[in-house]
PDB file of N, CA and C in Angstrom:
ATOM      1  N   MET A   1     125.900  80.438 -66.215  1.00  0.00           N
ATOM      2  CA  MET A   1     124.998  81.163 -67.074  1.00  0.00           C
ATOM      3  C   MET A   1     123.819  81.711 -66.271  1.00  0.00           C
ATOM      4  N   THR A   2     123.284  80.897 -65.392  1.00  0.00           N
ATOM      5  CA  THR A   2     122.152  81.323 -64.571  1.00  0.00           C
ATOM      6  C   THR A   2     122.557  82.497 -63.687  1.00  0.00           C
ATOM      7  N   GLU A   3     123.760  82.448 -63.140  1.00  0.00           N
ATOM      8  CA  GLU A   3     124.244  83.530 -62.277  1.00  0.00           C
ATOM      9  C   GLU A   3     124.327  84.842 -63.058  1.00  0.00           C
ATOM     10  N   LEU A   4     124.797  84.791 -64.275  1.00  0.00           N
ATOM     11  CA  LEU A   4     124.897  85.982 -65.122  1.00  0.00           C
ATOM     12  C   LEU A   4     123.522  86.578 -65.385  1.00  0.00           C
ATOM     13  N   VAL A   5     122.562  85.755 -65.712  1.00  0.00           N
ATOM     14  CA  VAL A   5     121.203  86.221 -65.976  1.00  0.00           C
ATOM     15  C   VAL A   5     120.608  86.852 -64.719  1.00  0.00           C
ATOM     16  N   GLU A   6     120.847  86.241 -63.569  1.00  0.00           N
ATOM     17  CA  GLU A   6     120.330  86.787 -62.316  1.00  0.00           C
ATOM     18  C   GLU A   6     120.956  88.138 -62.003  1.00  0.00           C
ATOM     19  N   ARG A   7     122.269  88.277 -62.255  1.00  0.00           N
ATOM     20  CA  ARG A   7     122.937  89.558 -62.014  1.00  0.00           C
ATOM     21  C   ARG A   7     122.405  90.639 -62.952  1.00  0.00           C
ATOM     22  N   LEU A   8     122.174  90.289 -64.208  1.00  0.00           N
ATOM     23  CA  LEU A   8     121.639  91.256 -65.160  1.00  0.00           C
ATOM     24  C   LEU A   8     120.229  91.683 -64.765  1.00  0.00           C
ATOM     25  N   ALA A   9     119.440  90.748 -64.289  1.00  0.00           N
ATOM     26  CA  ALA A   9     118.069  91.061 -63.879  1.00  0.00           C
ATOM     27  C   ALA A   9     118.059  91.961 -62.644  1.00  0.00           C
ATOM     28  N   ALA A  10     119.047  91.802 -61.770  1.00  0.00           N
ATOM     29  CA  ALA A  10     119.111  92.587 -60.535  1.00  0.00           C
ATOM     30  C   ALA A  10     119.759  93.950 -60.748  1.00  0.00           C
ATOM     31  N   ALA A  11     120.440  94.162 -61.875  1.00  0.00           N
ATOM     32  CA  ALA A  11     121.116  95.429 -62.143  1.00  0.00           C
ATOM     33  C   ALA A  11     120.095  96.547 -62.306  1.00  0.00           C
ATOM     34  N   PRO A  12     120.420  97.740 -61.771  1.00  0.00           N
ATOM     35  CA  PRO A  12     119.471  98.849 -61.907  1.00  0.00           C
ATOM     36  C   PRO A  12     119.351  99.314 -63.356  1.00  0.00           C
ATOM     37  N   SER A  13     118.172  99.769 -63.715  1.00  0.00           N
ATOM     38  CA  SER A  13     117.944 100.261 -65.076  1.00  0.00           C
ATOM     39  C   SER A  13     118.505 101.680 -65.200  1.00  0.00           C
ATOM     40  N   GLY A  14     118.575 102.169 -66.422  1.00  0.00           N
ATOM     41  CA  GLY A  14     119.049 103.532 -66.651  1.00  0.00           C
ATOM     42  C   GLY A  14     118.195 104.559 -65.937  1.00  0.00           C
ATOM     43  N   ALA A  15     116.883 104.338 -65.945  1.00  0.00           N
ATOM     44  CA  ALA A  15     115.968 105.265 -65.270  1.00  0.00           C
ATOM     45  C   ALA A  15     116.210 105.270 -63.766  1.00  0.00           C
ATOM     46  N   GLU A  16     116.460 104.094 -63.200  1.00  0.00           N
ATOM     47  CA  GLU A  16     116.725 104.013 -61.763  1.00  0.00           C
ATOM     48  C   GLU A  16     118.019 104.728 -61.412  1.00  0.00           C
ATOM     49  N   LEU A  17     119.049 104.581 -62.258  1.00  0.00           N
ATOM     50  CA  LEU A  17     120.322 105.254 -62.001  1.00  0.00           C
ATOM     51  C   LEU A  17     120.175 106.769 -62.072  1.00  0.00           C
ATOM     52  N   GLU A  18     119.334 107.257 -62.992  1.00  0.00           N
ATOM     53  CA  GLU A  18     119.108 108.699 -63.108  1.00  0.00           C
ATOM     54  C   GLU A  18     118.424 109.260 -61.868  1.00  0.00           C
ATOM     55  N   LEU A  19     117.627 108.439 -61.184  1.00  0.00           N
ATOM     56  CA  LEU A  19     116.901 108.894 -60.003  1.00  0.00           C
ATOM     57  C   LEU A  19     117.653 108.628 -58.707  1.00  0.00           C
ATOM     58  N   THR A  20     118.784 107.939 -58.786  1.00  0.00           N
ATOM     59  CA  THR A  20     119.543 107.603 -57.589  1.00  0.00           C
ATOM     60  C   THR A  20     120.287 108.821 -57.064  1.00  0.00           C
ATOM     61  N   ALA A  21     120.252 109.007 -55.758  1.00  0.00           N
ATOM     62  CA  ALA A  21     121.026 110.053 -55.092  1.00  0.00           C
ATOM     63  C   ALA A  21     122.218 109.357 -54.437  1.00  0.00           C
ATOM     64  N   PHE A  22     123.394 109.512 -55.047  1.00  0.00           N
ATOM     65  CA  PHE A  22     124.585 108.810 -54.580  1.00  0.00           C
ATOM     66  C   PHE A  22     125.203 109.486 -53.360  1.00  0.00           C
ATOM     67  N   THR A  23     125.666 108.683 -52.425  1.00  0.00           N
ATOM     68  CA  THR A  23     126.387 109.204 -51.272  1.00  0.00           C
ATOM     69  C   THR A  23     127.741 109.727 -51.744  1.00  0.00           C
ATOM     70  N   PRO A  24     128.400 110.577 -50.949  1.00  0.00           N
ATOM     71  CA  PRO A  24     129.741 111.023 -51.326  1.00  0.00           C
ATOM     72  C   PRO A  24     130.710 109.852 -51.540  1.00  0.00           C
ATOM     73  N   ALA A  25     130.563 108.791 -50.771  1.00  0.00           N
ATOM     74  CA  ALA A  25     131.448 107.630 -50.929  1.00  0.00           C
ATOM     75  C   ALA A  25     131.239 106.962 -52.284  1.00  0.00           C
ATOM     76  N   LYS A  26     129.988 106.763 -52.689  1.00  0.00           N
ATOM     77  CA  LYS A  26     129.700 106.127 -53.972  1.00  0.00           C
ATOM     78  C   LYS A  26     130.069 107.063 -55.123  1.00  0.00           C
ATOM     79  N   ALA A  27     129.781 108.369 -54.974  1.00  0.00           N
ATOM     80  CA  ALA A  27     130.152 109.341 -56.004  1.00  0.00           C
ATOM     81  C   ALA A  27     131.666 109.366 -56.177  1.00  0.00           C
ATOM     82  N   ALA A  28     132.403 109.292 -55.087  1.00  0.00           N
ATOM     83  CA  ALA A  28     133.865 109.279 -55.153  1.00  0.00           C
ATOM     84  C   ALA A  28     134.352 108.045 -55.909  1.00  0.00           C
ATOM     85  N   GLU A  29     133.736 106.918 -55.645  1.00  0.00           N
ATOM     86  CA  GLU A  29     134.099 105.672 -56.336  1.00  0.00           C
ATOM     87  C   GLU A  29     133.861 105.819 -57.846  1.00  0.00           C
ATOM     88  N   LEU A  30     132.734 106.397 -58.215  1.00  0.00           N
ATOM     89  CA  LEU A  30     132.409 106.574 -59.629  1.00  0.00           C
ATOM     90  C   LEU A  30     133.334 107.576 -60.312  1.00  0.00           C
ATOM     91  N   LEU A  31     133.768 108.595 -59.564  1.00  0.00           N
ATOM     92  CA  LEU A  31     134.631 109.630 -60.116  1.00  0.00           C
ATOM     93  C   LEU A  31     136.118 109.278 -60.054  1.00  0.00           C
ATOM     94  N   GLY A  32     136.449 108.250 -59.296  1.00  0.00           N
ATOM     95  CA  GLY A  32     137.855 107.903 -59.137  1.00  0.00           C
ATOM     96  C   GLY A  32     138.587 108.868 -58.212  1.00  0.00           C
ATOM     97  N   LYS A  33     137.859 109.441 -57.272  1.00  0.00           N
ATOM     98  CA  LYS A  33     138.417 110.373 -56.302  1.00  0.00           C
ATOM     99  C   LYS A  33     138.216 109.783 -54.909  1.00  0.00           C
ATOM    100  N   THR A  34     138.722 110.486 -53.900  1.00  0.00           N
ATOM    101  CA  THR A  34     138.505 110.023 -52.527  1.00  0.00           C
ATOM    102  C   THR A  34     137.197 110.593 -51.998  1.00  0.00           C
ATOM    103  N   GLU A  35     136.649 109.930 -51.018  1.00  0.00           N
ATOM    104  CA  GLU A  35     135.428 110.424 -50.387  1.00  0.00           C
ATOM    105  C   GLU A  35     135.689 111.799 -49.769  1.00  0.00           C
ATOM    106  N   ASN A  36     136.878 111.979 -49.220  1.00  0.00           N
ATOM    107  CA  ASN A  36     137.238 113.254 -48.619  1.00  0.00           C
ATOM    108  C   ASN A  36     137.214 114.378 -49.658  1.00  0.00           C
ATOM    109  N   TRP A  37     137.718 114.112 -50.863  1.00  0.00           N
ATOM    110  CA  TRP A  37     137.716 115.128 -51.930  1.00  0.00           C
ATOM    111  C   TRP A  37     136.286 115.531 -52.265  1.00  0.00           C
ATOM    112  N   VAL A  38     135.404 114.547 -52.423  1.00  0.00           N
ATOM    113  CA  VAL A  38     134.006 114.828 -52.759  1.00  0.00           C
ATOM    114  C   VAL A  38     133.340 115.613 -51.632  1.00  0.00           C
ATOM    115  N   THR A  39     133.534 115.192 -50.408  1.00  0.00           N
ATOM    116  CA  THR A  39     132.916 115.860 -49.261  1.00  0.00           C
ATOM    117  C   THR A  39     133.378 117.311 -49.154  1.00  0.00           C
ATOM    118  N   GLU A  40     134.688 117.540 -49.286  1.00  0.00           N
ATOM    119  CA  GLU A  40     135.208 118.909 -49.207  1.00  0.00           C
ATOM    120  C   GLU A  40     134.714 119.761 -50.373  1.00  0.00           C
ATOM    121  N   ALA A  41     134.632 119.182 -51.571  1.00  0.00           N
ATOM    122  CA  ALA A  41     134.146 119.926 -52.732  1.00  0.00           C
ATOM    123  C   ALA A  41     132.679 120.307 -52.554  1.00  0.00           C
ATOM    124  N   ILE A  42     131.899 119.434 -51.945  1.00  0.00           N
ATOM    125  CA  ILE A  42     130.493 119.741 -51.659  1.00  0.00           C
ATOM    126  C   ILE A  42     130.415 120.864 -50.623  1.00  0.00           C
ATOM    127  N   GLN A  43     131.188 120.744 -49.542  1.00  0.00           N
ATOM    128  CA  GLN A  43     131.163 121.756 -48.480  1.00  0.00           C
ATOM    129  C   GLN A  43     131.603 123.124 -48.990  1.00  0.00           C
ATOM    130  N   ASP A  44     132.542 123.152 -49.951  1.00  0.00           N
ATOM    131  CA  ASP A  44     133.044 124.407 -50.522  1.00  0.00           C
ATOM    132  C   ASP A  44     132.207 124.888 -51.705  1.00  0.00           C
ATOM    133  N   ASN A  45     131.140 124.164 -52.036  1.00  0.00           N
ATOM    134  CA  ASN A  45     130.272 124.486 -53.175  1.00  0.00           C
ATOM    135  C   ASN A  45     131.040 124.530 -54.499  1.00  0.00           C
ATOM    136  N   ARG A  46     132.037 123.657 -54.662  1.00  0.00           N
ATOM    137  CA  ARG A  46     132.800 123.597 -55.903  1.00  0.00           C
ATOM    138  C   ARG A  46     132.174 122.651 -56.917  1.00  0.00           C
ATOM    139  N   ILE A  47     131.316 121.761 -56.457  1.00  0.00           N
ATOM    140  CA  ILE A  47     130.656 120.816 -57.355  1.00  0.00           C
ATOM    141  C   ILE A  47     129.161 120.812 -57.046  1.00  0.00           C
ATOM    142  N   PRO A  48     128.334 120.520 -58.052  1.00  0.00           N
ATOM    143  CA  PRO A  48     126.886 120.502 -57.817  1.00  0.00           C
ATOM    144  C   PRO A  48     126.490 119.326 -56.926  1.00  0.00           C
ATOM    145  N   HIS A  49     125.478 119.543 -56.148  1.00  0.00           N
ATOM    146  CA  HIS A  49     124.989 118.502 -55.239  1.00  0.00           C
ATOM    147  C   HIS A  49     123.586 118.870 -54.789  1.00  0.00           C
ATOM    148  N   THR A  50     122.971 117.966 -54.074  1.00  0.00           N
ATOM    149  CA  THR A  50     121.657 118.195 -53.499  1.00  0.00           C
ATOM    150  C   THR A  50     121.666 117.622 -52.090  1.00  0.00           C
ATOM    151  N   TYR A  51     120.631 117.868 -51.362  1.00  0.00           N
ATOM    152  CA  TYR A  51     120.514 117.306 -50.021  1.00  0.00           C
ATOM    153  C   TYR A  51     119.256 116.460 -49.935  1.00  0.00           C
ATOM    154  N   VAL A  52     119.391 115.330 -49.314  1.00  0.00           N
ATOM    155  CA  VAL A  52     118.256 114.495 -48.952  1.00  0.00           C
ATOM    156  C   VAL A  52     118.227 114.572 -47.430  1.00  0.00           C
ATOM    157  N   GLY A  53     117.295 115.381 -46.923  1.00  0.00           N
ATOM    158  CA  GLY A  53     117.327 115.703 -45.505  1.00  0.00           C
ATOM    159  C   GLY A  53     118.560 116.569 -45.259  1.00  0.00           C
ATOM    160  N   LYS A  54     119.420 116.135 -44.343  1.00  0.00           N
ATOM    161  CA  LYS A  54     120.650 116.870 -44.070  1.00  0.00           C
ATOM    162  C   LYS A  54     121.870 116.219 -44.728  1.00  0.00           C
ATOM    163  N   SER A  55     121.628 115.168 -45.506  1.00  0.00           N
ATOM    164  CA  SER A  55     122.726 114.408 -46.101  1.00  0.00           C
ATOM    165  C   SER A  55     123.008 114.871 -47.525  1.00  0.00           C
ATOM    166  N   PRO A  56     124.266 115.238 -47.826  1.00  0.00           N
ATOM    167  CA  PRO A  56     124.594 115.631 -49.198  1.00  0.00           C
ATOM    168  C   PRO A  56     124.588 114.420 -50.119  1.00  0.00           C
ATOM    169  N   ARG A  57     124.066 114.629 -51.318  1.00  0.00           N
ATOM    170  CA  ARG A  57     124.009 113.561 -52.313  1.00  0.00           C
ATOM    171  C   ARG A  57     124.336 114.141 -53.677  1.00  0.00           C
ATOM    172  N   MET A  58     124.740 113.267 -54.596  1.00  0.00           N
ATOM    173  CA  MET A  58     125.010 113.665 -55.978  1.00  0.00           C
ATOM    174  C   MET A  58     124.184 112.783 -56.904  1.00  0.00           C
ATOM    175  N   THR A  59     123.578 113.398 -57.898  1.00  0.00           N
ATOM    176  CA  THR A  59     122.825 112.656 -58.897  1.00  0.00           C
ATOM    177  C   THR A  59     123.760 112.280 -60.049  1.00  0.00           C
ATOM    178  N   ALA A  60     123.262 111.483 -60.962  1.00  0.00           N
ATOM    179  CA  ALA A  60     124.046 111.115 -62.142  1.00  0.00           C
ATOM    180  C   ALA A  60     124.407 112.365 -62.941  1.00  0.00           C
ATOM    181  N   ALA A  61     123.494 113.327 -63.026  1.00  0.00           N
ATOM    182  CA  ALA A  61     123.766 114.576 -63.750  1.00  0.00           C
ATOM    183  C   ALA A  61     124.892 115.358 -63.082  1.00  0.00           C
ATOM    184  N   HIS A  62     124.911 115.384 -61.753  1.00  0.00           N
ATOM    185  CA  HIS A  62     125.993 116.066 -61.037  1.00  0.00           C
ATOM    186  C   HIS A  62     127.339 115.407 -61.335  1.00  0.00           C
ATOM    187  N   ILE A  63     127.355 114.092 -61.337  1.00  0.00           N
ATOM    188  CA  ILE A  63     128.596 113.362 -61.596  1.00  0.00           C
ATOM    189  C   ILE A  63     129.075 113.609 -63.019  1.00  0.00           C
ATOM    190  N   ARG A  64     128.140 113.608 -63.986  1.00  0.00           N
ATOM    191  CA  ARG A  64     128.516 113.911 -65.371  1.00  0.00           C
ATOM    192  C   ARG A  64     129.077 115.329 -65.480  1.00  0.00           C
ATOM    193  N   TRP A  65     128.527 116.285 -64.729  1.00  0.00           N
ATOM    194  CA  TRP A  65     129.016 117.660 -64.751  1.00  0.00           C
ATOM    195  C   TRP A  65     130.467 117.715 -64.273  1.00  0.00           C
ATOM    196  N   VAL A  66     130.759 117.030 -63.174  1.00  0.00           N
ATOM    197  CA  VAL A  66     132.129 117.020 -62.643  1.00  0.00           C
ATOM    198  C   VAL A  66     133.080 116.427 -63.677  1.00  0.00           C
ATOM    199  N   GLN A  67     132.675 115.350 -64.316  1.00  0.00           N
ATOM    200  CA  GLN A  67     133.517 114.735 -65.338  1.00  0.00           C
ATOM    201  C   GLN A  67     133.746 115.686 -66.506  1.00  0.00           C
ATOM    202  N   ALA A  68     132.727 116.382 -66.939  1.00  0.00           N
ATOM    203  CA  ALA A  68     132.852 117.294 -68.077  1.00  0.00           C
ATOM    204  C   ALA A  68     133.752 118.485 -67.756  1.00  0.00           C
ATOM    205  N   GLN A  69     133.747 118.943 -66.508  1.00  0.00           N
ATOM    206  CA  GLN A  69     134.578 120.088 -66.137  1.00  0.00           C
ATOM    207  C   GLN A  69     136.062 119.755 -66.177  1.00  0.00           C
ATOM    208  N   GLY A  70     136.390 118.490 -66.079  1.00  0.00           N
ATOM    209  CA  GLY A  70     137.789 118.080 -66.112  1.00  0.00           C
ATOM    210  C   GLY A  70     138.317 117.817 -67.512  1.00  0.00           C
ATOM    211  N   GLU A  71     137.413 117.847 -68.494  1.00  0.00           N
ATOM    212  CA  GLU A  71     137.824 117.528 -69.864  1.00  0.00           C
ATOM    213  C   GLU A  71     138.711 118.631 -70.426  1.00  0.00           C
ATOM    214  N   ARG A  72     139.799 118.223 -71.057  1.00  0.00           N
ATOM    215  CA  ARG A  72     140.713 119.152 -71.702  1.00  0.00           C
ATOM    216  C   ARG A  72     140.935 118.691 -73.129  1.00  0.00           C
ATOM    217  N   MET A  73     140.761 119.605 -74.067  1.00  0.00           N
ATOM    218  CA  MET A  73     140.980 119.302 -75.470  1.00  0.00           C
ATOM    219  C   MET A  73     142.396 119.719 -75.841  1.00  0.00           C
ATOM    220  N   PRO A  74     143.040 118.968 -76.722  1.00  0.00           N
ATOM    221  CA  PRO A  74     144.403 119.331 -77.096  1.00  0.00           C
ATOM    222  C   PRO A  74     144.424 120.652 -77.858  1.00  0.00           C
ATOM    223  N   SER A  75     145.497 121.380 -77.685  1.00  0.00           N
ATOM    224  CA  SER A  75     145.694 122.633 -78.400  1.00  0.00           C
ATOM    225  C   SER A  75     145.931 122.345 -79.875  1.00  0.00           C
ATOM    226  N   LYS A  76     145.498 123.265 -80.725  1.00  0.00           N
ATOM    227  CA  LYS A  76     145.743 123.064 -82.156  1.00  0.00           C
ATOM    228  C   LYS A  76     147.237 123.144 -82.462  1.00  0.00           C
ATOM    229  N   TYR A  77     148.017 123.644 -81.507  1.00  0.00           N
ATOM    230  CA  TYR A  77     149.467 123.753 -81.690  1.00  0.00           C
ATOM    231  C   TYR A  77     150.229 122.559 -81.095  1.00  0.00           C
ATOM    232  N   ALA A  78     149.505 121.620 -80.510  1.00  0.00           N
ATOM    233  CA  ALA A  78     150.146 120.457 -79.906  1.00  0.00           C
ATOM    234  C   ALA A  78     150.795 119.593 -80.977  1.00  0.00           C
ATOM    235  N   LYS A  79     151.891 118.965 -80.603  1.00  0.00           N
ATOM    236  CA  LYS A  79     152.561 118.061 -81.539  1.00  0.00           C
ATOM    237  C   LYS A  79     151.677 116.848 -81.776  1.00  0.00           C
ATOM    238  N   PRO A  80     151.536 116.420 -83.026  1.00  0.00           N
ATOM    239  CA  PRO A  80     150.715 115.234 -83.282  1.00  0.00           C
ATOM    240  C   PRO A  80     151.383 113.983 -82.699  1.00  0.00           C
ATOM    241  N   LEU A  81     150.556 113.044 -82.287  1.00  0.00           N
ATOM    242  CA  LEU A  81     151.067 111.780 -81.779  1.00  0.00           C
ATOM    243  C   LEU A  81     151.622 110.971 -82.923  1.00  0.00           C
ATOM    244  N   THR A  82     152.782 110.377 -82.703  1.00  0.00           N
ATOM    245  CA  THR A  82     153.369 109.502 -83.724  1.00  0.00           C
ATOM    246  C   THR A  82     153.589 108.146 -83.133  1.00  0.00           C
ATOM    247  N   SER A  83     153.586 107.145 -83.978  1.00  0.00           N
ATOM    248  CA  SER A  83     153.801 105.786 -83.542  1.00  0.00           C
ATOM    249  C   SER A  83     155.284 105.546 -83.352  1.00  0.00           C
ATOM    250  N   LYS A  84     155.681 105.004 -82.206  1.00  0.00           N
ATOM    251  CA  LYS A  84     157.097 104.720 -81.932  1.00  0.00           C
ATOM    252  C   LYS A  84     157.578 103.540 -82.780  1.00  0.00           C
ATOM    253  N   SER A  85     156.661 102.679 -83.178  1.00  0.00           N
ATOM    254  CA  SER A  85     157.059 101.512 -83.953  1.00  0.00           C
ATOM    255  C   SER A  85     157.416 101.904 -85.381  1.00  0.00           C
ATOM    256  N   ALA A  86     156.987 103.096 -85.822  1.00  0.00           N
ATOM    257  CA  ALA A  86     157.289 103.544 -87.187  1.00  0.00           C
ATOM    258  C   ALA A  86     158.731 104.033 -87.306  1.00  0.00           C
ATOM    259  N   ALA A  87     159.401 104.264 -86.197  1.00  0.00           N
ATOM    260  CA  ALA A  87     160.769 104.792 -86.230  1.00  0.00           C
ATOM    261  C   ALA A  87     161.795 103.779 -86.583  1.00  0.00           C
TER     262      ALA A  87
END
Protein backbone atom coordinates (compact mmCIF):
# COMPACT_ATOMS: atom_id res chain seq x y z
CA MET A 1 0.00 0.00 0.00
CA THR A 2 2.81 2.40 0.88
CA GLU A 3 4.51 1.68 -2.45
CA LEU A 4 1.32 2.53 -4.35
CA VAL A 5 0.92 5.83 -2.51
CA GLU A 6 4.56 6.71 -3.18
CA ARG A 7 4.18 5.94 -6.90
CA LEU A 8 1.03 8.07 -7.12
CA ALA A 9 2.78 10.95 -5.36
CA ALA A 10 5.74 10.72 -7.76
CA ALA A 11 3.54 10.57 -10.89
CA PRO A 12 3.55 13.75 -12.97
CA SER A 13 0.45 15.93 -12.83
CA GLY A 14 -1.66 16.77 -15.87
CA ALA A 15 -0.12 20.24 -16.00
CA GLU A 16 3.39 18.79 -15.95
CA LEU A 17 2.54 16.39 -18.78
CA GLU A 18 1.17 19.28 -20.87
CA LEU A 19 4.48 21.12 -20.45
CA THR A 20 6.68 18.10 -21.14
CA ALA A 21 8.63 18.01 -24.39
CA PHE A 22 8.84 14.31 -25.25
CA THR A 23 11.81 12.84 -27.08
CA PRO A 24 11.10 10.95 -30.32
CA ALA A 25 11.70 7.70 -28.40
CA LYS A 26 9.12 8.53 -25.71
CA ALA A 27 6.66 9.92 -28.29
CA ALA A 28 7.03 6.69 -30.28
CA GLU A 29 6.29 4.65 -27.16
CA LEU A 30 3.15 6.70 -26.48
CA LEU A 31 2.00 6.44 -30.10
CA GLY A 32 2.77 2.75 -30.46
CA LYS A 33 5.18 3.44 -33.33
CA THR A 34 8.92 3.02 -33.74
CA GLU A 35 11.37 5.76 -32.88
CA ASN A 36 12.52 5.63 -36.49
CA TRP A 37 8.96 6.35 -37.74
CA VAL A 38 8.66 9.38 -35.45
CA THR A 39 12.11 10.70 -36.37
CA GLU A 40 11.48 10.34 -40.12
CA ALA A 41 8.02 11.93 -39.81
CA ILE A 42 9.57 14.90 -37.98
CA GLN A 43 12.36 15.25 -40.58
CA ASP A 44 9.77 15.12 -43.41
CA ASN A 45 7.51 17.64 -41.60
CA ARG A 46 4.61 15.14 -41.66
CA ILE A 47 3.81 15.57 -37.97
CA PRO A 48 3.88 18.63 -35.70
CA HIS A 49 6.91 19.08 -33.50
CA THR A 50 9.09 21.68 -31.85
CA TYR A 51 12.77 22.03 -31.12
CA VAL A 52 14.46 22.43 -27.79
CA GLY A 53 17.82 23.71 -28.94
CA LYS A 54 18.66 21.43 -31.87
CA SER A 55 16.71 18.46 -30.50
CA PRO A 56 13.27 17.65 -31.94
CA ARG A 57 10.54 17.20 -29.35
CA MET A 58 6.79 16.56 -29.31
CA THR A 59 4.33 18.01 -26.84
CA ALA A 60 1.18 16.31 -25.59
CA ALA A 61 -0.81 18.43 -28.08
CA HIS A 62 1.39 17.20 -30.95
CA ILE A 63 0.85 13.59 -29.90
CA ARG A 64 -2.93 14.11 -29.67
CA TRP A 65 -2.85 15.62 -33.19
CA VAL A 66 -1.10 12.55 -34.60
CA GLN A 67 -3.64 10.29 -32.92
CA ALA A 68 -6.57 12.31 -34.25
CA GLN A 69 -5.24 12.23 -37.83
CA GLY A 70 -5.37 8.44 -37.78
CA GLU A 71 -8.99 8.29 -36.68
CA ARG A 72 -11.38 6.76 -39.20
CA MET A 73 -15.14 6.77 -38.80
CA PRO A 74 -17.18 3.95 -40.29
CA SER A 75 -19.05 4.64 -43.50
CA LYS A 76 -22.80 4.98 -43.23
CA TYR A 77 -22.91 2.16 -45.79
CA ALA A 78 -20.82 -0.22 -43.68
CA LYS A 79 -22.43 -3.46 -42.61
CA PRO A 80 -23.55 -3.30 -38.98
CA LEU A 81 -21.68 -5.48 -36.51
CA THR A 82 -23.60 -8.55 -35.43
CA SER A 83 -23.01 -10.87 -32.55
CA LYS A 84 -21.71 -14.30 -33.62
CA SER A 85 -23.29 -15.86 -30.55
CA ALA A 86 -26.75 -14.85 -31.81
CA ALA A 87 -26.42 -17.20 -34.80
